[in-house]
Every structure is written in structure tokens, then in C-alpha cells.
Amino acid sequence: MFEPTGPWSPEQTREYLEERAIPVRVATRTPDGRLWMLSLWYLLRDGALWCATSASADVVAFIEDDAGVAFEVSENEPPYMGVRGSAEATLRPDSDKRLLRELMTRYLGGTDSPLARRLLDADREEVEIRLDPTRTHTWDYSERMRGALTDEG
């Protein structure tokens, strides 16, 4: 699954994706060919990135039309580092909202918040998005940015 190009080994790549609770950015194409990007919470499981969203979200229709996506998980603050690549996306219902609950625990610390209650509403239909990477690349600018981030240099 993760045989990345770049400075990180497959193990370092997996470790980074498991430890970081930052959203994955997912780029798709709309049915008329325009590019569309969004951020989603994710879990790394079975060699794939698993996300959840509303069944009525635009991205669901975009993936149904074209399953090829690009993705990136990266730091917003220096030193910049992360994982990017391309993937095949598949959809399936999350009727019991199991994945959504796992994602809320990872990103919100649990399911006891106004946002969690809204997302878990019984009338809201949820889908799982599985991103199976077909290509991955890592980068890590820690060393190159060291002097810029400290009084060294």
C-alpha cells in the first residue's frame, strides 16, 4: 500500500498518518471536469484512508462519476512535512455511523458535543469513503527549515 517516494519509509509514512489528527485534503473532478477540493477527517486502516461524509455531499456524486482522486495530509505550520498522492475512492453506506463515531473520537475526543449530536442525527445519512492509494510521496522540510525556525543562522 504505502511504498512512497521521498524521504520516509513505508513505516514512517504509516506512523505519520496514524499519529496526526489533521484532515486529509481530497481533490476530485466534477462531472463537468472542474477540480474540487475538500478536507475530511480520516483514519488509516487496512492500508487505506477512511473518511465519512453526508450521503448528500457533492463529493459523493463526484466520486460516483470519477473514482480517481488526489490527496494530501500535511502540516500547516513549519517545519512543513506530509504525505500526498493519488488514490481510487470507493463509497459505501455508514448506516450505523460506526466510522463517523470513530472519526469524532479521533478529532473531537468523543461524541458529546453539539457538532457530534448534529452529525449523528438519525435523519442524517452518512457514507464511508475509502481512499486506496495508488501512488504516494512524502516530504519533510525539518532539516532545511531548522535555521529559519530558530535563532541559529
N, C-alpha and C. Protein backbone atom coordinates (compact mmCIF):
# COMPACT_ATOMS: atom_id res chain seq x y z
N MET A 1 0.83 -1.18 0.00
CA MET A 1 0.00 0.00 0.00
C MET A 1 0.87 1.23 0.00
N PHE A 2 1.52 1.56 1.08
CA PHE A 2 2.36 2.75 1.11
C PHE A 2 3.80 2.38 0.79
N GLU A 3 4.19 2.53 -0.47
CA GLU A 3 5.57 2.41 -0.90
C GLU A 3 5.93 3.79 -1.45
N PRO A 4 6.14 4.75 -0.57
CA PRO A 4 6.26 6.13 -1.02
C PRO A 4 7.61 6.43 -1.67
N THR A 5 7.59 7.41 -2.56
CA THR A 5 8.82 8.06 -2.95
C THR A 5 9.04 9.16 -1.92
N GLY A 6 10.23 9.69 -1.85
CA GLY A 6 10.53 10.73 -0.87
C GLY A 6 11.34 10.18 0.28
N PRO A 7 11.53 10.98 1.33
CA PRO A 7 12.47 10.62 2.39
C PRO A 7 11.98 9.59 3.39
N TRP A 8 10.69 9.30 3.48
CA TRP A 8 10.20 8.41 4.52
C TRP A 8 10.02 6.98 4.02
N SER A 9 10.26 6.06 4.92
CA SER A 9 10.00 4.65 4.66
C SER A 9 8.48 4.41 4.74
N PRO A 10 8.04 3.23 4.28
CA PRO A 10 6.61 2.91 4.46
C PRO A 10 6.18 2.96 5.92
N GLU A 11 7.05 2.51 6.84
CA GLU A 11 6.71 2.53 8.27
C GLU A 11 6.59 3.96 8.78
N GLN A 12 7.51 4.84 8.39
CA GLN A 12 7.44 6.25 8.82
C GLN A 12 6.19 6.91 8.26
N THR A 13 5.83 6.56 7.05
CA THR A 13 4.63 7.13 6.42
C THR A 13 3.38 6.71 7.18
N ARG A 14 3.29 5.41 7.47
CA ARG A 14 2.14 4.92 8.25
C ARG A 14 2.09 5.58 9.63
N GLU A 15 3.23 5.67 10.29
CA GLU A 15 3.29 6.29 11.62
C GLU A 15 2.81 7.74 11.57
N TYR A 16 3.27 8.49 10.59
CA TYR A 16 2.84 9.89 10.45
C TYR A 16 1.31 9.96 10.29
N LEU A 17 0.76 9.15 9.41
CA LEU A 17 -0.68 9.19 9.15
C LEU A 17 -1.50 8.73 10.35
N GLU A 18 -0.98 7.81 11.13
CA GLU A 18 -1.70 7.34 12.32
C GLU A 18 -1.64 8.34 13.45
N GLU A 19 -0.53 9.04 13.59
CA GLU A 19 -0.34 9.94 14.73
C GLU A 19 -0.96 11.31 14.54
N ARG A 20 -1.08 11.79 13.34
CA ARG A 20 -1.56 13.14 13.09
C ARG A 20 -3.08 13.17 13.01
N ALA A 21 -3.69 14.01 13.80
CA ALA A 21 -5.14 14.21 13.72
C ALA A 21 -5.39 15.52 12.98
N ILE A 22 -4.93 15.54 11.73
CA ILE A 22 -5.19 16.67 10.85
C ILE A 22 -5.98 16.13 9.66
N PRO A 23 -6.84 16.92 9.08
CA PRO A 23 -7.67 16.41 7.97
C PRO A 23 -6.84 16.06 6.73
N VAL A 24 -7.39 15.18 5.94
CA VAL A 24 -6.84 14.88 4.63
C VAL A 24 -7.53 15.83 3.64
N ARG A 25 -6.75 16.40 2.75
CA ARG A 25 -7.31 17.20 1.66
C ARG A 25 -7.50 16.25 0.48
N VAL A 26 -8.70 16.27 -0.10
CA VAL A 26 -9.04 15.37 -1.19
C VAL A 26 -9.45 16.21 -2.39
N ALA A 27 -8.81 15.94 -3.54
CA ALA A 27 -9.14 16.63 -4.78
C ALA A 27 -9.85 15.66 -5.72
N THR A 28 -10.96 16.11 -6.28
CA THR A 28 -11.75 15.31 -7.22
C THR A 28 -12.02 16.15 -8.46
N ARG A 29 -12.66 15.52 -9.41
CA ARG A 29 -13.16 16.25 -10.58
C ARG A 29 -14.68 16.22 -10.52
N THR A 30 -15.27 17.33 -10.91
CA THR A 30 -16.72 17.40 -11.01
C THR A 30 -17.13 16.75 -12.33
N PRO A 31 -18.40 16.40 -12.49
CA PRO A 31 -18.81 15.79 -13.75
C PRO A 31 -18.53 16.64 -14.99
N ASP A 32 -18.44 17.96 -14.82
CA ASP A 32 -18.12 18.81 -15.98
C ASP A 32 -16.61 19.09 -16.10
N GLY A 33 -15.79 18.36 -15.32
CA GLY A 33 -14.35 18.43 -15.48
C GLY A 33 -13.61 19.45 -14.62
N ARG A 34 -14.34 20.23 -13.83
CA ARG A 34 -13.66 21.19 -12.95
C ARG A 34 -13.03 20.46 -11.77
N LEU A 35 -12.01 21.06 -11.19
CA LEU A 35 -11.39 20.50 -9.99
C LEU A 35 -12.15 20.93 -8.75
N TRP A 36 -12.19 20.07 -7.75
CA TRP A 36 -12.88 20.35 -6.49
C TRP A 36 -12.03 19.77 -5.37
N MET A 37 -11.80 20.54 -4.32
CA MET A 37 -11.01 20.06 -3.18
C MET A 37 -11.80 20.28 -1.90
N LEU A 38 -11.65 19.33 -0.98
CA LEU A 38 -12.27 19.47 0.33
C LEU A 38 -11.40 18.77 1.36
N SER A 39 -11.63 19.09 2.61
CA SER A 39 -10.91 18.47 3.72
C SER A 39 -11.87 17.55 4.47
N LEU A 40 -11.37 16.38 4.84
CA LEU A 40 -12.16 15.39 5.56
C LEU A 40 -11.33 14.79 6.69
N TRP A 41 -12.00 14.40 7.75
CA TRP A 41 -11.34 13.62 8.78
C TRP A 41 -11.05 12.24 8.21
N TYR A 42 -9.99 11.60 8.70
CA TYR A 42 -9.65 10.27 8.21
C TYR A 42 -9.09 9.39 9.32
N LEU A 43 -9.15 8.09 9.06
CA LEU A 43 -8.47 7.05 9.84
C LEU A 43 -7.66 6.23 8.85
N LEU A 44 -6.50 5.78 9.26
CA LEU A 44 -5.72 4.86 8.46
C LEU A 44 -6.05 3.44 8.93
N ARG A 45 -6.54 2.63 8.00
CA ARG A 45 -6.92 1.25 8.34
C ARG A 45 -6.83 0.40 7.08
N ASP A 46 -6.29 -0.81 7.23
CA ASP A 46 -6.20 -1.75 6.12
C ASP A 46 -5.50 -1.15 4.90
N GLY A 47 -4.50 -0.31 5.15
CA GLY A 47 -3.75 0.28 4.05
C GLY A 47 -4.48 1.37 3.28
N ALA A 48 -5.59 1.85 3.83
CA ALA A 48 -6.39 2.88 3.15
C ALA A 48 -6.70 4.01 4.12
N LEU A 49 -7.03 5.16 3.56
CA LEU A 49 -7.54 6.28 4.34
C LEU A 49 -9.06 6.20 4.28
N TRP A 50 -9.70 6.16 5.46
CA TRP A 50 -11.15 6.06 5.56
C TRP A 50 -11.72 7.39 6.04
N CYS A 51 -12.68 7.91 5.31
CA CYS A 51 -13.33 9.19 5.64
C CYS A 51 -14.84 8.95 5.68
N ALA A 52 -15.56 9.92 6.22
CA ALA A 52 -17.02 9.86 6.24
C ALA A 52 -17.56 11.23 5.88
N THR A 53 -18.72 11.21 5.25
CA THR A 53 -19.39 12.46 4.92
C THR A 53 -20.88 12.19 4.73
N SER A 54 -21.63 13.25 4.62
CA SER A 54 -23.06 13.14 4.38
C SER A 54 -23.30 12.49 3.02
N ALA A 55 -24.29 11.62 2.95
CA ALA A 55 -24.63 10.97 1.68
C ALA A 55 -25.04 11.99 0.62
N SER A 56 -25.48 13.17 1.04
CA SER A 56 -25.90 14.19 0.08
C SER A 56 -24.79 15.18 -0.30
N ALA A 57 -23.58 14.96 0.21
CA ALA A 57 -22.47 15.87 -0.10
C ALA A 57 -22.10 15.78 -1.59
N ASP A 58 -21.73 16.91 -2.16
CA ASP A 58 -21.34 16.95 -3.57
C ASP A 58 -20.25 15.94 -3.90
N VAL A 59 -19.29 15.79 -2.99
CA VAL A 59 -18.16 14.90 -3.27
C VAL A 59 -18.61 13.46 -3.53
N VAL A 60 -19.72 13.04 -2.97
CA VAL A 60 -20.22 11.69 -3.21
C VAL A 60 -20.57 11.52 -4.69
N ALA A 61 -21.28 12.47 -5.25
CA ALA A 61 -21.62 12.41 -6.68
C ALA A 61 -20.36 12.50 -7.55
N PHE A 62 -19.40 13.31 -7.13
CA PHE A 62 -18.17 13.45 -7.91
C PHE A 62 -17.41 12.13 -7.96
N ILE A 63 -17.31 11.43 -6.82
CA ILE A 63 -16.61 10.15 -6.76
C ILE A 63 -17.38 9.09 -7.54
N GLU A 64 -18.71 9.13 -7.48
CA GLU A 64 -19.50 8.18 -8.27
C GLU A 64 -19.22 8.36 -9.76
N ASP A 65 -18.97 9.59 -10.18
CA ASP A 65 -18.70 9.89 -11.59
C ASP A 65 -17.25 9.56 -11.97
N ASP A 66 -16.30 9.78 -11.05
CA ASP A 66 -14.87 9.54 -11.33
C ASP A 66 -14.20 9.19 -10.01
N ALA A 67 -13.80 7.95 -9.83
CA ALA A 67 -13.25 7.47 -8.56
C ALA A 67 -11.79 7.86 -8.34
N GLY A 68 -11.13 8.42 -9.33
CA GLY A 68 -9.74 8.84 -9.17
C GLY A 68 -9.65 10.14 -8.41
N VAL A 69 -8.86 10.18 -7.35
CA VAL A 69 -8.70 11.38 -6.54
C VAL A 69 -7.22 11.60 -6.24
N ALA A 70 -6.91 12.80 -5.79
CA ALA A 70 -5.60 13.11 -5.22
C ALA A 70 -5.83 13.44 -3.75
N PHE A 71 -4.78 13.26 -2.93
CA PHE A 71 -4.94 13.55 -1.50
C PHE A 71 -3.65 14.11 -0.95
N GLU A 72 -3.79 14.80 0.19
CA GLU A 72 -2.62 15.30 0.92
C GLU A 72 -2.96 15.41 2.40
N VAL A 73 -2.03 14.93 3.23
CA VAL A 73 -2.07 15.13 4.68
C VAL A 73 -0.77 15.83 5.00
N SER A 74 -0.87 17.08 5.49
CA SER A 74 0.36 17.85 5.71
C SER A 74 0.17 18.87 6.83
N GLU A 75 1.32 19.30 7.33
CA GLU A 75 1.35 20.28 8.41
C GLU A 75 1.01 21.67 7.86
N ASN A 76 0.29 22.44 8.66
CA ASN A 76 0.00 23.83 8.29
C ASN A 76 1.02 24.79 8.88
N GLU A 77 1.81 24.33 9.82
CA GLU A 77 2.84 25.14 10.48
C GLU A 77 4.21 24.55 10.19
N PRO A 78 5.24 25.41 10.12
CA PRO A 78 6.59 24.89 9.89
C PRO A 78 7.08 24.07 11.08
N PRO A 79 7.95 23.12 10.84
CA PRO A 79 8.51 22.74 9.55
C PRO A 79 7.49 21.90 8.76
N TYR A 80 7.39 22.18 7.49
CA TYR A 80 6.41 21.53 6.64
C TYR A 80 6.84 20.10 6.32
N MET A 81 5.87 19.20 6.36
CA MET A 81 6.09 17.79 6.04
C MET A 81 4.74 17.16 5.76
N GLY A 82 4.76 16.00 5.11
CA GLY A 82 3.49 15.33 4.88
C GLY A 82 3.56 14.23 3.85
N VAL A 83 2.36 13.81 3.45
CA VAL A 83 2.18 12.71 2.51
C VAL A 83 1.15 13.18 1.48
N ARG A 84 1.45 12.94 0.22
CA ARG A 84 0.48 13.24 -0.84
C ARG A 84 0.49 12.11 -1.84
N GLY A 85 -0.55 12.07 -2.64
CA GLY A 85 -0.58 11.03 -3.65
C GLY A 85 -1.89 10.98 -4.40
N SER A 86 -2.07 9.89 -5.11
CA SER A 86 -3.31 9.65 -5.82
C SER A 86 -3.93 8.36 -5.26
N ALA A 87 -5.23 8.23 -5.45
CA ALA A 87 -5.94 7.09 -4.87
C ALA A 87 -7.19 6.80 -5.68
N GLU A 88 -7.70 5.61 -5.49
CA GLU A 88 -9.01 5.22 -6.00
C GLU A 88 -9.98 5.27 -4.83
N ALA A 89 -11.08 5.96 -5.01
CA ALA A 89 -12.07 6.13 -3.95
C ALA A 89 -13.25 5.19 -4.18
N THR A 90 -13.71 4.60 -3.09
CA THR A 90 -14.93 3.80 -3.14
C THR A 90 -15.86 4.28 -2.04
N LEU A 91 -17.14 4.12 -2.27
CA LEU A 91 -18.18 4.57 -1.35
C LEU A 91 -18.98 3.39 -0.85
N ARG A 92 -19.44 3.50 0.40
CA ARG A 92 -20.42 2.54 0.92
C ARG A 92 -21.17 3.22 2.06
N PRO A 93 -22.39 2.80 2.32
CA PRO A 93 -23.18 3.40 3.39
C PRO A 93 -22.52 3.19 4.76
N ASP A 94 -22.66 4.18 5.61
CA ASP A 94 -22.24 4.06 7.03
C ASP A 94 -23.53 4.16 7.84
N SER A 95 -24.43 3.20 7.62
CA SER A 95 -25.78 3.29 8.18
C SER A 95 -25.80 3.33 9.70
N ASP A 96 -24.87 2.66 10.37
CA ASP A 96 -24.85 2.73 11.82
C ASP A 96 -23.91 3.83 12.34
N LYS A 97 -23.30 4.56 11.40
CA LYS A 97 -22.40 5.69 11.72
C LYS A 97 -21.22 5.27 12.59
N ARG A 98 -20.80 4.02 12.42
CA ARG A 98 -19.67 3.50 13.17
C ARG A 98 -18.39 4.26 12.85
N LEU A 99 -18.11 4.42 11.55
CA LEU A 99 -16.90 5.14 11.15
C LEU A 99 -16.97 6.60 11.61
N LEU A 100 -18.10 7.22 11.44
CA LEU A 100 -18.25 8.61 11.87
C LEU A 100 -17.97 8.75 13.37
N ARG A 101 -18.45 7.83 14.18
CA ARG A 101 -18.18 7.86 15.62
C ARG A 101 -16.67 7.73 15.90
N GLU A 102 -16.00 6.84 15.18
CA GLU A 102 -14.55 6.69 15.35
C GLU A 102 -13.82 7.98 14.98
N LEU A 103 -14.25 8.60 13.91
CA LEU A 103 -13.63 9.85 13.48
C LEU A 103 -13.86 10.98 14.50
N MET A 104 -15.06 11.03 15.07
CA MET A 104 -15.34 12.05 16.08
C MET A 104 -14.49 11.83 17.32
N THR A 105 -14.27 10.60 17.70
CA THR A 105 -13.41 10.31 18.84
C THR A 105 -11.98 10.76 18.54
N ARG A 106 -11.50 10.46 17.35
CA ARG A 106 -10.14 10.86 16.96
C ARG A 106 -9.96 12.37 16.91
N TYR A 107 -10.91 13.09 16.33
CA TYR A 107 -10.76 14.53 16.09
C TYR A 107 -11.38 15.42 17.15
N LEU A 108 -12.44 14.95 17.80
CA LEU A 108 -13.14 15.77 18.79
C LEU A 108 -12.95 15.26 20.22
N GLY A 109 -12.41 14.07 20.36
CA GLY A 109 -12.24 13.48 21.68
C GLY A 109 -13.47 12.75 22.18
N GLY A 110 -14.48 12.61 21.36
CA GLY A 110 -15.70 11.91 21.76
C GLY A 110 -16.89 12.36 20.96
N THR A 111 -18.06 11.93 21.41
CA THR A 111 -19.30 12.24 20.68
C THR A 111 -20.24 13.11 21.49
N ASP A 112 -19.73 13.76 22.52
CA ASP A 112 -20.56 14.60 23.39
C ASP A 112 -20.29 16.08 23.12
N SER A 113 -20.79 16.55 21.99
CA SER A 113 -20.67 17.97 21.65
C SER A 113 -21.84 18.32 20.73
N PRO A 114 -22.16 19.60 20.62
CA PRO A 114 -23.24 19.98 19.70
C PRO A 114 -22.97 19.52 18.25
N LEU A 115 -21.72 19.63 17.80
CA LEU A 115 -21.40 19.19 16.44
C LEU A 115 -21.62 17.68 16.31
N ALA A 116 -21.15 16.91 17.26
CA ALA A 116 -21.32 15.46 17.20
C ALA A 116 -22.80 15.09 17.19
N ARG A 117 -23.58 15.73 18.03
CA ARG A 117 -25.01 15.41 18.06
C ARG A 117 -25.67 15.74 16.73
N ARG A 118 -25.27 16.84 16.09
CA ARG A 118 -25.84 17.22 14.79
C ARG A 118 -25.45 16.18 13.73
N LEU A 119 -24.18 15.77 13.72
CA LEU A 119 -23.71 14.81 12.72
C LEU A 119 -24.31 13.42 12.93
N LEU A 120 -24.61 13.08 14.17
CA LEU A 120 -25.17 11.76 14.48
C LEU A 120 -26.69 11.72 14.42
N ASP A 121 -27.33 12.81 14.04
CA ASP A 121 -28.78 12.86 13.96
C ASP A 121 -29.30 11.67 13.14
N ALA A 122 -30.34 11.04 13.63
CA ALA A 122 -30.88 9.83 12.99
C ALA A 122 -31.34 10.09 11.56
N ASP A 123 -31.74 11.30 11.23
CA ASP A 123 -32.22 11.61 9.88
C ASP A 123 -31.09 11.87 8.89
N ARG A 124 -29.87 11.98 9.38
CA ARG A 124 -28.74 12.28 8.51
C ARG A 124 -28.13 10.97 7.99
N GLU A 125 -28.10 10.81 6.67
CA GLU A 125 -27.49 9.63 6.07
C GLU A 125 -26.00 9.90 5.87
N GLU A 126 -25.21 8.89 6.19
CA GLU A 126 -23.75 9.00 6.15
C GLU A 126 -23.18 7.96 5.20
N VAL A 127 -22.05 8.29 4.55
CA VAL A 127 -21.34 7.32 3.73
C VAL A 127 -19.87 7.27 4.16
N GLU A 128 -19.26 6.13 3.92
CA GLU A 128 -17.83 5.96 4.11
C GLU A 128 -17.15 6.16 2.77
N ILE A 129 -16.02 6.82 2.79
CA ILE A 129 -15.19 6.98 1.60
C ILE A 129 -13.86 6.28 1.90
N ARG A 130 -13.54 5.29 1.11
CA ARG A 130 -12.26 4.59 1.26
C ARG A 130 -11.33 5.07 0.15
N LEU A 131 -10.16 5.57 0.55
CA LEU A 131 -9.15 6.01 -0.41
C LEU A 131 -8.02 4.98 -0.41
N ASP A 132 -7.90 4.25 -1.49
CA ASP A 132 -6.83 3.27 -1.66
C ASP A 132 -5.72 3.91 -2.48
N PRO A 133 -4.61 4.28 -1.82
CA PRO A 133 -3.53 4.96 -2.55
C PRO A 133 -2.95 4.11 -3.68
N THR A 134 -2.75 4.75 -4.81
CA THR A 134 -2.09 4.13 -5.95
C THR A 134 -0.68 4.67 -6.12
N ARG A 135 -0.42 5.84 -5.54
CA ARG A 135 0.91 6.45 -5.55
C ARG A 135 1.00 7.36 -4.34
N THR A 136 2.14 7.33 -3.65
CA THR A 136 2.34 8.23 -2.51
C THR A 136 3.74 8.83 -2.58
N HIS A 137 3.84 10.03 -2.06
CA HIS A 137 5.11 10.74 -1.98
C HIS A 137 5.15 11.46 -0.63
N THR A 138 6.30 11.41 0.03
CA THR A 138 6.46 12.11 1.31
C THR A 138 7.47 13.23 1.15
N TRP A 139 7.35 14.23 2.01
CA TRP A 139 8.34 15.29 2.08
C TRP A 139 8.48 15.72 3.52
N ASP A 140 9.65 16.22 3.86
CA ASP A 140 9.95 16.66 5.22
C ASP A 140 11.01 17.75 5.15
N TYR A 141 10.59 18.98 5.42
CA TYR A 141 11.48 20.13 5.33
C TYR A 141 12.08 20.51 6.69
N SER A 142 12.01 19.59 7.65
CA SER A 142 12.52 19.88 9.00
C SER A 142 13.97 20.34 8.98
N GLU A 143 14.81 19.60 8.30
CA GLU A 143 16.24 19.92 8.28
C GLU A 143 16.49 21.23 7.56
N ARG A 144 15.89 21.42 6.41
CA ARG A 144 16.13 22.62 5.61
C ARG A 144 15.60 23.87 6.30
N MET A 145 14.58 23.74 7.15
CA MET A 145 13.98 24.90 7.81
C MET A 145 14.55 25.15 9.20
N ARG A 146 15.42 24.27 9.68
CA ARG A 146 15.94 24.38 11.04
C ARG A 146 16.47 25.78 11.34
N GLY A 147 17.34 26.34 10.54
CA GLY A 147 17.89 27.67 10.78
C GLY A 147 16.85 28.78 10.71
N ALA A 148 15.84 28.60 9.92
CA ALA A 148 14.80 29.62 9.78
C ALA A 148 13.85 29.66 10.96
N LEU A 149 13.79 28.55 11.72
CA LEU A 149 12.82 28.44 12.80
C LEU A 149 13.43 28.69 14.18
N THR A 150 14.74 28.87 14.23
CA THR A 150 15.40 29.09 15.50
C THR A 150 16.27 30.33 15.40
N ASP A 151 16.99 30.64 16.45
CA ASP A 151 17.91 31.78 16.42
C ASP A 151 19.24 31.43 15.74
N GLU A 152 19.37 30.13 15.35
CA GLU A 152 20.57 29.74 14.59
C GLU A 152 20.49 30.40 13.23
N GLY A 153 21.56 30.71 12.65
CA GLY A 153 21.52 31.15 11.46
C GLY A 153 21.41 31.75 10.31
